[in-house]
């Protein structure tokens, strides 16, 4: 079973940047979505990228600040997060999807605080 592995989280000040990574262990080209979940809140969609990176989409709350991209040679999807705000604080999860198969990573914590 494929388990995506997220990395790159941490503590950053408001206005700062982080780049998250989602790595998969096989050569399958998955549709990748990033989600996030803040304490006491439901998990919410953040960004999407198609298998070859041609299509992307974003939640309104991150549009213009976050950029999703992928390096298929390395089986890695990135989420570049700029101009971070305290409300971006959450655990960020990567979801890999192929057909009816969906795999979740363990998550990486992002904390935006001064």
PDB file of N, CA and C in Angstrom:
ATOM      1  N   UNK A   1       0.836  -1.185   0.000  1.00  0.00           N
ATOM      2  CA  UNK A   1       0.000   0.000   0.000  1.00  0.00           C
ATOM      3  C   UNK A   1       0.880   1.247   0.000  1.00  0.00           C
ATOM      4  N   UNK A   2       0.494   2.201  -0.799  1.00  0.00           N
ATOM      5  CA  UNK A   2       1.257   3.437  -0.901  1.00  0.00           C
ATOM      6  C   UNK A   2       0.912   4.348   0.262  1.00  0.00           C
ATOM      7  N   UNK A   3       1.918   4.896   0.912  1.00  0.00           N
ATOM      8  CA  UNK A   3       1.676   5.917   1.926  1.00  0.00           C
ATOM      9  C   UNK A   3       2.473   7.150   1.552  1.00  0.00           C
ATOM     10  N   UNK A   4       1.785   8.210   1.172  1.00  0.00           N
ATOM     11  CA  UNK A   4       2.522   9.445   0.901  1.00  0.00           C
ATOM     12  C   UNK A   4       3.218   9.931   2.171  1.00  0.00           C
ATOM     13  N   UNK A   5       4.344  10.565   2.006  1.00  0.00           N
ATOM     14  CA  UNK A   5       5.097  11.096   3.138  1.00  0.00           C
ATOM     15  C   UNK A   5       5.246  12.599   2.978  1.00  0.00           C
ATOM     16  N   UNK A   6       4.696  13.331   3.944  1.00  0.00           N
ATOM     17  CA  UNK A   6       4.800  14.782   3.919  1.00  0.00           C
ATOM     18  C   UNK A   6       5.999  15.237   4.727  1.00  0.00           C
ATOM     19  N   UNK A   7       6.555  16.371   4.330  1.00  0.00           N
ATOM     20  CA  UNK A   7       7.646  16.982   5.079  1.00  0.00           C
ATOM     21  C   UNK A   7       7.667  18.472   4.792  1.00  0.00           C
ATOM     22  N   UNK A   8       8.443  19.202   5.596  1.00  0.00           N
ATOM     23  CA  UNK A   8       8.627  20.626   5.346  1.00  0.00           C
ATOM     24  C   UNK A   8       7.872  21.552   6.277  1.00  0.00           C
ATOM     25  N   UNK A   9       7.063  20.990   7.178  1.00  0.00           N
ATOM     26  CA  UNK A   9       6.338  21.834   8.108  1.00  0.00           C
ATOM     27  C   UNK A   9       7.264  22.460   9.142  1.00  0.00           C
ATOM     28  N   UNK A  10       6.691  23.372   9.924  1.00  0.00           N
ATOM     29  CA  UNK A  10       7.475  24.015  10.960  1.00  0.00           C
ATOM     30  C   UNK A  10       6.796  25.252  11.489  1.00  0.00           C
ATOM     31  N   UNK A  11       7.559  26.023  12.239  1.00  0.00           N
ATOM     32  CA  UNK A  11       7.080  27.272  12.823  1.00  0.00           C
ATOM     33  C   UNK A  11       7.613  28.433  11.993  1.00  0.00           C
ATOM     34  N   UNK A  12       6.723  29.328  11.626  1.00  0.00           N
ATOM     35  CA  UNK A  12       7.121  30.471  10.798  1.00  0.00           C
ATOM     36  C   UNK A  12       6.341  31.688  11.263  1.00  0.00           C
ATOM     37  N   UNK A  13       6.935  32.860  11.091  1.00  0.00           N
ATOM     38  CA  UNK A  13       6.254  34.091  11.458  1.00  0.00           C
ATOM     39  C   UNK A  13       5.249  34.497  10.380  1.00  0.00           C
ATOM     40  N   UNK A  14       4.239  35.258  10.753  1.00  0.00           N
ATOM     41  CA  UNK A  14       3.306  35.763   9.742  1.00  0.00           C
ATOM     42  C   UNK A  14       4.062  36.498   8.641  1.00  0.00           C
ATOM     43  N   UNK A  15       3.640  36.250   7.405  1.00  0.00           N
ATOM     44  CA  UNK A  15       4.314  36.813   6.245  1.00  0.00           C
ATOM     45  C   UNK A  15       5.436  35.951   5.707  1.00  0.00           C
ATOM     46  N   UNK A  16       5.789  34.935   6.440  1.00  0.00           N
ATOM     47  CA  UNK A  16       6.876  34.051   6.012  1.00  0.00           C
ATOM     48  C   UNK A  16       6.435  33.002   5.026  1.00  0.00           C
ATOM     49  N   UNK A  17       7.372  32.118   4.685  1.00  0.00           N
ATOM     50  CA  UNK A  17       7.126  31.088   3.673  1.00  0.00           C
ATOM     51  C   UNK A  17       7.592  29.731   4.172  1.00  0.00           C
ATOM     52  N   UNK A  18       6.946  28.707   3.656  1.00  0.00           N
ATOM     53  CA  UNK A  18       7.361  27.326   3.841  1.00  0.00           C
ATOM     54  C   UNK A  18       7.086  26.575   2.550  1.00  0.00           C
ATOM     55  N   UNK A  19       7.850  25.526   2.320  1.00  0.00           N
ATOM     56  CA  UNK A  19       7.554  24.641   1.203  1.00  0.00           C
ATOM     57  C   UNK A  19       7.360  23.232   1.735  1.00  0.00           C
ATOM     58  N   UNK A  20       6.163  22.716   1.534  1.00  0.00           N
ATOM     59  CA  UNK A  20       5.857  21.340   1.919  1.00  0.00           C
ATOM     60  C   UNK A  20       6.125  20.412   0.748  1.00  0.00           C
ATOM     61  N   UNK A  21       6.488  19.176   1.087  1.00  0.00           N
ATOM     62  CA  UNK A  21       6.715  18.153   0.078  1.00  0.00           C
ATOM     63  C   UNK A  21       5.842  16.947   0.378  1.00  0.00           C
ATOM     64  N   UNK A  22       5.416  16.290  -0.678  1.00  0.00           N
ATOM     65  CA  UNK A  22       4.664  15.041  -0.572  1.00  0.00           C
ATOM     66  C   UNK A  22       5.342  14.049  -1.498  1.00  0.00           C
ATOM     67  N   UNK A  23       5.911  13.016  -0.925  1.00  0.00           N
ATOM     68  CA  UNK A  23       6.641  12.021  -1.706  1.00  0.00           C
ATOM     69  C   UNK A  23       5.877  10.704  -1.708  1.00  0.00           C
ATOM     70  N   UNK A  24       5.809  10.095  -2.866  1.00  0.00           N
ATOM     71  CA  UNK A  24       5.222   8.759  -2.970  1.00  0.00           C
ATOM     72  C   UNK A  24       6.318   7.775  -3.349  1.00  0.00           C
ATOM     73  N   UNK A  25       6.112   6.524  -2.973  1.00  0.00           N
ATOM     74  CA  UNK A  25       7.201   5.553  -3.058  1.00  0.00           C
ATOM     75  C   UNK A  25       7.231   4.757  -4.349  1.00  0.00           C
ATOM     76  N   UNK A  26       6.207   4.912  -5.207  1.00  0.00           N
ATOM     77  CA  UNK A  26       6.223   4.143  -6.446  1.00  0.00           C
ATOM     78  C   UNK A  26       6.215   5.086  -7.639  1.00  0.00           C
ATOM     79  N   UNK A  27       6.152   4.536  -8.821  1.00  0.00           N
ATOM     80  CA  UNK A  27       6.258   5.348 -10.038  1.00  0.00           C
ATOM     81  C   UNK A  27       4.898   5.765 -10.588  1.00  0.00           C
ATOM     82  N   UNK A  28       3.836   5.449  -9.878  1.00  0.00           N
ATOM     83  CA  UNK A  28       2.493   5.797 -10.332  1.00  0.00           C
ATOM     84  C   UNK A  28       2.308   7.311 -10.315  1.00  0.00           C
ATOM     85  N   UNK A  29       1.678   7.830 -11.336  1.00  0.00           N
ATOM     86  CA  UNK A  29       1.342   9.259 -11.355  1.00  0.00           C
ATOM     87  C   UNK A  29      -0.026   9.438 -10.712  1.00  0.00           C
ATOM     88  N   UNK A  30      -0.013   9.947  -9.496  1.00  0.00           N
ATOM     89  CA  UNK A  30      -1.250  10.143  -8.755  1.00  0.00           C
ATOM     90  C   UNK A  30      -1.753  11.572  -8.924  1.00  0.00           C
ATOM     91  N   UNK A  31      -3.065  11.722  -8.873  1.00  0.00           N
ATOM     92  CA  UNK A  31      -3.630  13.037  -8.605  1.00  0.00           C
ATOM     93  C   UNK A  31      -3.323  13.332  -7.140  1.00  0.00           C
ATOM     94  N   UNK A  32      -2.806  14.508  -6.871  1.00  0.00           N
ATOM     95  CA  UNK A  32      -2.437  14.860  -5.504  1.00  0.00           C
ATOM     96  C   UNK A  32      -3.272  16.043  -5.046  1.00  0.00           C
ATOM     97  N   UNK A  33      -3.785  15.916  -3.854  1.00  0.00           N
ATOM     98  CA  UNK A  33      -4.494  17.008  -3.193  1.00  0.00           C
ATOM     99  C   UNK A  33      -3.861  17.253  -1.826  1.00  0.00           C
ATOM    100  N   UNK A  34      -3.769  18.497  -1.465  1.00  0.00           N
ATOM    101  CA  UNK A  34      -3.377  18.869  -0.112  1.00  0.00           C
ATOM    102  C   UNK A  34      -4.639  19.292   0.645  1.00  0.00           C
ATOM    103  N   UNK A  35      -4.702  18.827   1.866  1.00  0.00           N
ATOM    104  CA  UNK A  35      -5.759  19.221   2.788  1.00  0.00           C
ATOM    105  C   UNK A  35      -5.097  19.732   4.049  1.00  0.00           C
ATOM    106  N   UNK A  36      -5.867  20.387   4.895  1.00  0.00           N
ATOM    107  CA  UNK A  36      -5.345  20.803   6.194  1.00  0.00           C
ATOM    108  C   UNK A  36      -6.458  20.704   7.223  1.00  0.00           C
ATOM    109  N   UNK A  37      -6.015  20.534   8.459  1.00  0.00           N
ATOM    110  CA  UNK A  37      -6.972  20.435   9.547  1.00  0.00           C
ATOM    111  C   UNK A  37      -6.421  21.169  10.757  1.00  0.00           C
ATOM    112  N   UNK A  38      -7.158  22.167  11.183  1.00  0.00           N
ATOM    113  CA  UNK A  38      -6.804  22.928  12.378  1.00  0.00           C
ATOM    114  C   UNK A  38      -7.518  22.307  13.575  1.00  0.00           C
ATOM    115  N   UNK A  39      -6.991  22.500  14.770  1.00  0.00           N
ATOM    116  CA  UNK A  39      -7.634  21.926  15.960  1.00  0.00           C
ATOM    117  C   UNK A  39      -9.096  22.363  16.075  1.00  0.00           C
ATOM    118  N   UNK A  40      -9.958  21.394  16.281  1.00  0.00           N
ATOM    119  CA  UNK A  40     -11.368  21.691  16.452  1.00  0.00           C
ATOM    120  C   UNK A  40     -12.124  21.972  15.176  1.00  0.00           C
ATOM    121  N   UNK A  41     -11.454  21.844  14.053  1.00  0.00           N
ATOM    122  CA  UNK A  41     -12.105  22.122  12.767  1.00  0.00           C
ATOM    123  C   UNK A  41     -12.059  20.891  11.872  1.00  0.00           C
ATOM    124  N   UNK A  42     -12.901  20.902  10.861  1.00  0.00           N
ATOM    125  CA  UNK A  42     -12.911  19.799   9.909  1.00  0.00           C
ATOM    126  C   UNK A  42     -11.739  19.945   8.920  1.00  0.00           C
ATOM    127  N   UNK A  43     -11.361  18.820   8.366  1.00  0.00           N
ATOM    128  CA  UNK A  43     -10.320  18.835   7.336  1.00  0.00           C
ATOM    129  C   UNK A  43     -10.859  19.560   6.113  1.00  0.00           C
ATOM    130  N   UNK A  44     -10.037  20.425   5.543  1.00  0.00           N
ATOM    131  CA  UNK A  44     -10.481  21.204   4.392  1.00  0.00           C
ATOM    132  C   UNK A  44      -9.491  21.095   3.244  1.00  0.00           C
ATOM    133  N   UNK A  45     -10.016  21.197   2.050  1.00  0.00           N
ATOM    134  CA  UNK A  45      -9.224  21.160   0.829  1.00  0.00           C
ATOM    135  C   UNK A  45      -8.361  22.415   0.728  1.00  0.00           C
ATOM    136  N   UNK A  46      -7.130  22.225   0.242  1.00  0.00           N
ATOM    137  CA  UNK A  46      -6.221  23.345   0.052  1.00  0.00           C
ATOM    138  C   UNK A  46      -5.847  23.512  -1.421  1.00  0.00           C
ATOM    139  N   UNK A  47      -5.364  22.424  -2.048  1.00  0.00           N
ATOM    140  CA  UNK A  47      -4.886  22.550  -3.426  1.00  0.00           C
ATOM    141  C   UNK A  47      -4.908  21.193  -4.108  1.00  0.00           C
ATOM    142  N   UNK A  48      -4.929  21.233  -5.439  1.00  0.00           N
ATOM    143  CA  UNK A  48      -5.010  20.038  -6.290  1.00  0.00           C
ATOM    144  C   UNK A  48      -4.046  20.184  -7.456  1.00  0.00           C
ATOM    145  N   UNK A  49      -3.471  19.048  -7.866  1.00  0.00           N
ATOM    146  CA  UNK A  49      -2.685  19.034  -9.085  1.00  0.00           C
ATOM    147  C   UNK A  49      -2.940  17.726  -9.811  1.00  0.00           C
ATOM    148  N   UNK A  50      -3.099  17.814 -11.124  1.00  0.00           N
ATOM    149  CA  UNK A  50      -3.360  16.618 -11.922  1.00  0.00           C
ATOM    150  C   UNK A  50      -2.082  15.805 -12.092  1.00  0.00           C
ATOM    151  N   UNK A  51      -2.234  14.631 -12.704  1.00  0.00           N
ATOM    152  CA  UNK A  51      -1.130  13.679 -12.774  1.00  0.00           C
ATOM    153  C   UNK A  51       0.125  14.263 -13.431  1.00  0.00           C
ATOM    154  N   UNK A  52      -0.063  15.036 -14.466  1.00  0.00           N
ATOM    155  CA  UNK A  52       1.100  15.591 -15.171  1.00  0.00           C
ATOM    156  C   UNK A  52       1.308  17.072 -14.881  1.00  0.00           C
ATOM    157  N   UNK A  53       0.528  17.568 -13.930  1.00  0.00           N
ATOM    158  CA  UNK A  53       0.723  18.956 -13.504  1.00  0.00           C
ATOM    159  C   UNK A  53       0.087  19.995 -14.400  1.00  0.00           C
ATOM    160  N   UNK A  54      -0.743  19.554 -15.334  1.00  0.00           N
ATOM    161  CA  UNK A  54      -1.356  20.500 -16.274  1.00  0.00           C
ATOM    162  C   UNK A  54      -2.470  21.291 -15.609  1.00  0.00           C
ATOM    163  N   UNK A  55      -3.212  20.627 -14.727  1.00  0.00           N
ATOM    164  CA  UNK A  55      -4.316  21.294 -14.043  1.00  0.00           C
ATOM    165  C   UNK A  55      -3.997  21.478 -12.567  1.00  0.00           C
ATOM    166  N   UNK A  56      -4.333  22.652 -12.063  1.00  0.00           N
ATOM    167  CA  UNK A  56      -4.218  22.925 -10.639  1.00  0.00           C
ATOM    168  C   UNK A  56      -5.459  23.690 -10.192  1.00  0.00           C
ATOM    169  N   UNK A  57      -5.737  23.603  -8.911  1.00  0.00           N
ATOM    170  CA  UNK A  57      -6.805  24.418  -8.342  1.00  0.00           C
ATOM    171  C   UNK A  57      -6.509  24.652  -6.867  1.00  0.00           C
ATOM    172  N   UNK A  58      -7.129  25.701  -6.323  1.00  0.00           N
ATOM    173  CA  UNK A  58      -6.842  26.123  -4.959  1.00  0.00           C
ATOM    174  C   UNK A  58      -8.116  26.525  -4.231  1.00  0.00           C
ATOM    175  N   UNK A  59      -8.077  26.376  -2.925  1.00  0.00           N
ATOM    176  CA  UNK A  59      -9.127  26.943  -2.095  1.00  0.00           C
ATOM    177  C   UNK A  59      -9.022  28.469  -2.176  1.00  0.00           C
ATOM    178  N   UNK A  60     -10.141  29.127  -2.081  1.00  0.00           N
ATOM    179  CA  UNK A  60     -10.140  30.589  -2.155  1.00  0.00           C
ATOM    180  C   UNK A  60      -9.256  31.217  -1.083  1.00  0.00           C
ATOM    181  N   UNK A  61      -9.191  30.568   0.066  1.00  0.00           N
ATOM    182  CA  UNK A  61      -8.448  31.132   1.196  1.00  0.00           C
ATOM    183  C   UNK A  61      -6.933  31.158   0.961  1.00  0.00           C
ATOM    184  N   UNK A  62      -6.444  30.376   0.003  1.00  0.00           N
ATOM    185  CA  UNK A  62      -5.001  30.332  -0.236  1.00  0.00           C
ATOM    186  C   UNK A  62      -4.625  30.799  -1.638  1.00  0.00           C
ATOM    187  N   UNK A  63      -5.599  31.074  -2.461  1.00  0.00           N
ATOM    188  CA  UNK A  63      -5.338  31.482  -3.842  1.00  0.00           C
ATOM    189  C   UNK A  63      -4.475  32.736  -3.869  1.00  0.00           C
ATOM    190  N   UNK A  64      -3.436  32.692  -4.706  1.00  0.00           N
ATOM    191  CA  UNK A  64      -2.529  33.827  -4.793  1.00  0.00           C
ATOM    192  C   UNK A  64      -1.388  33.787  -3.799  1.00  0.00           C
ATOM    193  N   UNK A  65      -1.463  32.907  -2.811  1.00  0.00           N
ATOM    194  CA  UNK A  65      -0.390  32.775  -1.808  1.00  0.00           C
ATOM    195  C   UNK A  65       0.291  31.421  -1.874  1.00  0.00           C
ATOM    196  N   UNK A  66      -0.444  30.384  -2.226  1.00  0.00           N
ATOM    197  CA  UNK A  66       0.097  29.023  -2.285  1.00  0.00           C
ATOM    198  C   UNK A  66       0.225  28.599  -3.746  1.00  0.00           C
ATOM    199  N   UNK A  67       1.262  27.803  -4.015  1.00  0.00           N
ATOM    200  CA  UNK A  67       1.472  27.274  -5.352  1.00  0.00           C
ATOM    201  C   UNK A  67       1.797  25.790  -5.259  1.00  0.00           C
ATOM    202  N   UNK A  68       1.049  24.981  -5.997  1.00  0.00           N
ATOM    203  CA  UNK A  68       1.296  23.541  -6.031  1.00  0.00           C
ATOM    204  C   UNK A  68       2.038  23.209  -7.319  1.00  0.00           C
ATOM    205  N   UNK A  69       3.003  22.306  -7.217  1.00  0.00           N
ATOM    206  CA  UNK A  69       3.765  21.895  -8.387  1.00  0.00           C
ATOM    207  C   UNK A  69       4.249  20.464  -8.160  1.00  0.00           C
ATOM    208  N   UNK A  70       4.813  19.866  -9.210  1.00  0.00           N
ATOM    209  CA  UNK A  70       5.276  18.499  -9.045  1.00  0.00           C
ATOM    210  C   UNK A  70       6.510  18.234  -9.886  1.00  0.00           C
ATOM    211  N   UNK A  71       7.304  17.300  -9.393  1.00  0.00           N
ATOM    212  CA  UNK A  71       8.472  16.794 -10.101  1.00  0.00           C
ATOM    213  C   UNK A  71       8.252  15.300 -10.261  1.00  0.00           C
ATOM    214  N   UNK A  72       7.752  14.902 -11.399  1.00  0.00           N
ATOM    215  CA  UNK A  72       7.401  13.489 -11.584  1.00  0.00           C
ATOM    216  C   UNK A  72       8.632  12.588 -11.674  1.00  0.00           C
ATOM    217  N   UNK A  73       9.756  13.139 -12.036  1.00  0.00           N
ATOM    218  CA  UNK A  73      10.977  12.329 -12.061  1.00  0.00           C
ATOM    219  C   UNK A  73      11.359  11.894 -10.651  1.00  0.00           C
ATOM    220  N   UNK A  74      10.998  12.734  -9.660  1.00  0.00           N
ATOM    221  CA  UNK A  74      11.343  12.450  -8.264  1.00  0.00           C
ATOM    222  C   UNK A  74      10.148  11.949  -7.468  1.00  0.00           C
ATOM    223  N   UNK A  75       8.978  11.869  -8.103  1.00  0.00           N
ATOM    224  CA  UNK A  75       7.743  11.452  -7.403  1.00  0.00           C
ATOM    225  C   UNK A  75       7.453  12.348  -6.211  1.00  0.00           C
ATOM    226  N   UNK A  76       7.603  13.647  -6.397  1.00  0.00           N
ATOM    227  CA  UNK A  76       7.368  14.599  -5.314  1.00  0.00           C
ATOM    228  C   UNK A  76       6.421  15.698  -5.798  1.00  0.00           C
ATOM    229  N   UNK A  77       5.498  16.056  -4.932  1.00  0.00           N
ATOM    230  CA  UNK A  77       4.635  17.210  -5.147  1.00  0.00           C
ATOM    231  C   UNK A  77       4.955  18.234  -4.067  1.00  0.00           C
ATOM    232  N   UNK A  78       5.044  19.496  -4.485  1.00  0.00           N
ATOM    233  CA  UNK A  78       5.379  20.568  -3.569  1.00  0.00           C
ATOM    234  C   UNK A  78       4.184  21.485  -3.352  1.00  0.00           C
ATOM    235  N   UNK A  79       4.146  22.060  -2.176  1.00  0.00           N
ATOM    236  CA  UNK A  79       3.182  23.113  -1.888  1.00  0.00           C
ATOM    237  C   UNK A  79       3.983  24.287  -1.337  1.00  0.00           C
ATOM    238  N   UNK A  80       4.203  25.280  -2.192  1.00  0.00           N
ATOM    239  CA  UNK A  80       4.906  26.494  -1.784  1.00  0.00           C
ATOM    240  C   UNK A  80       3.896  27.427  -1.138  1.00  0.00           C
ATOM    241  N   UNK A  81       4.172  27.800   0.092  1.00  0.00           N
ATOM    242  CA  UNK A  81       3.237  28.628   0.854  1.00  0.00           C
ATOM    243  C   UNK A  81       3.922  29.945   1.189  1.00  0.00           C
ATOM    244  N   UNK A  82       3.426  31.016   0.639  1.00  0.00           N
ATOM    245  CA  UNK A  82       3.992  32.352   0.863  1.00  0.00           C
ATOM    246  C   UNK A  82       2.989  33.229   1.597  1.00  0.00           C
ATOM    247  N   UNK A  83       3.500  34.306   2.178  1.00  0.00           N
ATOM    248  CA  UNK A  83       2.652  35.250   2.910  1.00  0.00           C
ATOM    249  C   UNK A  83       1.735  34.510   3.888  1.00  0.00           C
ATOM    250  N   UNK A  84       2.329  33.658   4.672  1.00  0.00           N
ATOM    251  CA  UNK A  84       1.540  32.843   5.596  1.00  0.00           C
ATOM    252  C   UNK A  84       0.876  33.692   6.665  1.00  0.00           C
ATOM    253  N   UNK A  85      -0.301  33.242   7.064  1.00  0.00           N
ATOM    254  CA  UNK A  85      -1.112  33.934   8.057  1.00  0.00           C
ATOM    255  C   UNK A  85      -1.356  33.004   9.249  1.00  0.00           C
ATOM    256  N   UNK A  86      -1.649  33.555  10.394  1.00  0.00           N
ATOM    257  CA  UNK A  86      -1.937  32.685  11.552  1.00  0.00           C
ATOM    258  C   UNK A  86      -3.055  31.684  11.275  1.00  0.00           C
ATOM    259  N   UNK A  87      -4.009  32.073  10.451  1.00  0.00           N
ATOM    260  CA  UNK A  87      -5.118  31.153  10.154  1.00  0.00           C
ATOM    261  C   UNK A  87      -4.703  29.992   9.249  1.00  0.00           C
ATOM    262  N   UNK A  88      -3.479  30.009   8.754  1.00  0.00           N
ATOM    263  CA  UNK A  88      -2.962  28.872   7.996  1.00  0.00           C
ATOM    264  C   UNK A  88      -2.425  27.779   8.920  1.00  0.00           C
ATOM    265  N   UNK A  89      -2.379  28.052  10.205  1.00  0.00           N
ATOM    266  CA  UNK A  89      -1.895  27.061  11.169  1.00  0.00           C
ATOM    267  C   UNK A  89      -2.785  25.822  11.140  1.00  0.00           C
ATOM    268  N   UNK A  90      -2.173  24.674  10.906  1.00  0.00           N
ATOM    269  CA  UNK A  90      -2.918  23.423  10.783  1.00  0.00           C
ATOM    270  C   UNK A  90      -1.936  22.285  10.551  1.00  0.00           C
ATOM    271  N   UNK A  91      -2.460  21.082  10.621  1.00  0.00           N
ATOM    272  CA  UNK A  91      -1.721  19.922  10.118  1.00  0.00           C
ATOM    273  C   UNK A  91      -2.087  19.759   8.653  1.00  0.00           C
ATOM    274  N   UNK A  92      -1.081  19.665   7.813  1.00  0.00           N
ATOM    275  CA  UNK A  92      -1.286  19.570   6.375  1.00  0.00           C
ATOM    276  C   UNK A  92      -1.090  18.113   5.935  1.00  0.00           C
ATOM    277  N   UNK A  93      -2.066  17.626   5.172  1.00  0.00           N
ATOM    278  CA  UNK A  93      -2.068  16.244   4.726  1.00  0.00           C
ATOM    279  C   UNK A  93      -2.031  16.174   3.204  1.00  0.00           C
ATOM    280  N   UNK A  94      -1.317  15.179   2.732  1.00  0.00           N
ATOM    281  CA  UNK A  94      -1.255  14.902   1.302  1.00  0.00           C
ATOM    282  C   UNK A  94      -2.151  13.692   1.016  1.00  0.00           C
ATOM    283  N   UNK A  95      -2.922  13.798  -0.046  1.00  0.00           N
ATOM    284  CA  UNK A  95      -3.776  12.693  -0.478  1.00  0.00           C
ATOM    285  C   UNK A  95      -3.405  12.338  -1.904  1.00  0.00           C
ATOM    286  N   UNK A  96      -3.077  11.056  -2.109  1.00  0.00           N
ATOM    287  CA  UNK A  96      -2.725  10.552  -3.442  1.00  0.00           C
ATOM    288  C   UNK A  96      -3.881   9.713  -3.959  1.00  0.00           C
ATOM    289  N   UNK A  97      -4.305  10.005  -5.159  1.00  0.00           N
ATOM    290  CA  UNK A  97      -5.505   9.372  -5.715  1.00  0.00           C
ATOM    291  C   UNK A  97      -5.233   8.817  -7.103  1.00  0.00           C
ATOM    292  N   UNK A  98      -5.620   7.570  -7.297  1.00  0.00           N
ATOM    293  CA  UNK A  98      -5.617   6.973  -8.625  1.00  0.00           C
ATOM    294  C   UNK A  98      -6.866   6.118  -8.730  1.00  0.00           C
ATOM    295  N   UNK A  99      -7.785   6.490  -9.599  1.00  0.00           N
ATOM    296  CA  UNK A  99      -9.042   5.764  -9.706  1.00  0.00           C
ATOM    297  C   UNK A  99      -9.788   5.825  -8.386  1.00  0.00           C
ATOM    298  N   UNK A 100     -10.145   4.652  -7.876  1.00  0.00           N
ATOM    299  CA  UNK A 100     -10.875   4.599  -6.603  1.00  0.00           C
ATOM    300  C   UNK A 100      -9.940   4.486  -5.406  1.00  0.00           C
ATOM    301  N   UNK A 101      -8.659   4.428  -5.662  1.00  0.00           N
ATOM    302  CA  UNK A 101      -7.695   4.297  -4.564  1.00  0.00           C
ATOM    303  C   UNK A 101      -7.276   5.671  -4.055  1.00  0.00           C
ATOM    304  N   UNK A 102      -7.347   5.835  -2.751  1.00  0.00           N
ATOM    305  CA  UNK A 102      -6.932   7.093  -2.114  1.00  0.00           C
ATOM    306  C   UNK A 102      -6.046   6.766  -0.926  1.00  0.00           C
ATOM    307  N   UNK A 103      -4.931   7.439  -0.852  1.00  0.00           N
ATOM    308  CA  UNK A 103      -3.975   7.189   0.216  1.00  0.00           C
ATOM    309  C   UNK A 103      -3.645   8.503   0.912  1.00  0.00           C
ATOM    310  N   UNK A 104      -3.636   8.436   2.244  1.00  0.00           N
ATOM    311  CA  UNK A 104      -3.346   9.616   3.049  1.00  0.00           C
ATOM    312  C   UNK A 104      -1.968   9.492   3.692  1.00  0.00           C
ATOM    313  N   UNK A 105      -1.298  10.625   3.796  1.00  0.00           N
ATOM    314  CA  UNK A 105      -0.075  10.672   4.570  1.00  0.00           C
ATOM    315  C   UNK A 105      -0.387  10.928   6.029  1.00  0.00           C
ATOM    316  N   UNK A 106       0.670  10.989   6.842  1.00  0.00           N
ATOM    317  CA  UNK A 106       0.521  11.178   8.282  1.00  0.00           C
ATOM    318  C   UNK A 106       0.384  12.645   8.657  1.00  0.00           C
ATOM    319  N   UNK A 107       0.732  13.521   7.748  1.00  0.00           N
ATOM    320  CA  UNK A 107       0.581  14.948   8.014  1.00  0.00           C
ATOM    321  C   UNK A 107       1.864  15.611   8.484  1.00  0.00           C
ATOM    322  N   UNK A 108       1.924  16.916   8.268  1.00  0.00           N
ATOM    323  CA  UNK A 108       3.046  17.724   8.755  1.00  0.00           C
ATOM    324  C   UNK A 108       2.474  19.014   9.345  1.00  0.00           C
ATOM    325  N   UNK A 109       2.979  19.396  10.493  1.00  0.00           N
ATOM    326  CA  UNK A 109       2.416  20.523  11.219  1.00  0.00           C
ATOM    327  C   UNK A 109       2.998  21.836  10.719  1.00  0.00           C
ATOM    328  N   UNK A 110       2.112  22.791  10.471  1.00  0.00           N
ATOM    329  CA  UNK A 110       2.512  24.152  10.112  1.00  0.00           C
ATOM    330  C   UNK A 110       1.938  25.089  11.171  1.00  0.00           C
ATOM    331  N   UNK A 111       2.803  25.864  11.778  1.00  0.00           N
ATOM    332  CA  UNK A 111       2.373  26.832  12.785  1.00  0.00           C
ATOM    333  C   UNK A 111       2.857  28.215  12.377  1.00  0.00           C
ATOM    334  N   UNK A 112       1.920  29.134  12.256  1.00  0.00           N
ATOM    335  CA  UNK A 112       2.244  30.507  11.876  1.00  0.00           C
ATOM    336  C   UNK A 112       1.970  31.392  13.090  1.00  0.00           C
ATOM    337  N   UNK A 113       3.043  31.899  13.662  1.00  0.00           N
ATOM    338  CA  UNK A 113       2.906  32.666  14.897  1.00  0.00           C
ATOM    339  C   UNK A 113       4.104  33.569  15.083  1.00  0.00           C
ATOM    340  N   UNK A 114       3.855  34.724  15.693  1.00  0.00           N
ATOM    341  CA  UNK A 114       4.957  35.627  16.015  1.00  0.00           C
ATOM    342  C   UNK A 114       5.456  35.363  17.432  1.00  0.00           C
TER     343      UNK A 114
END
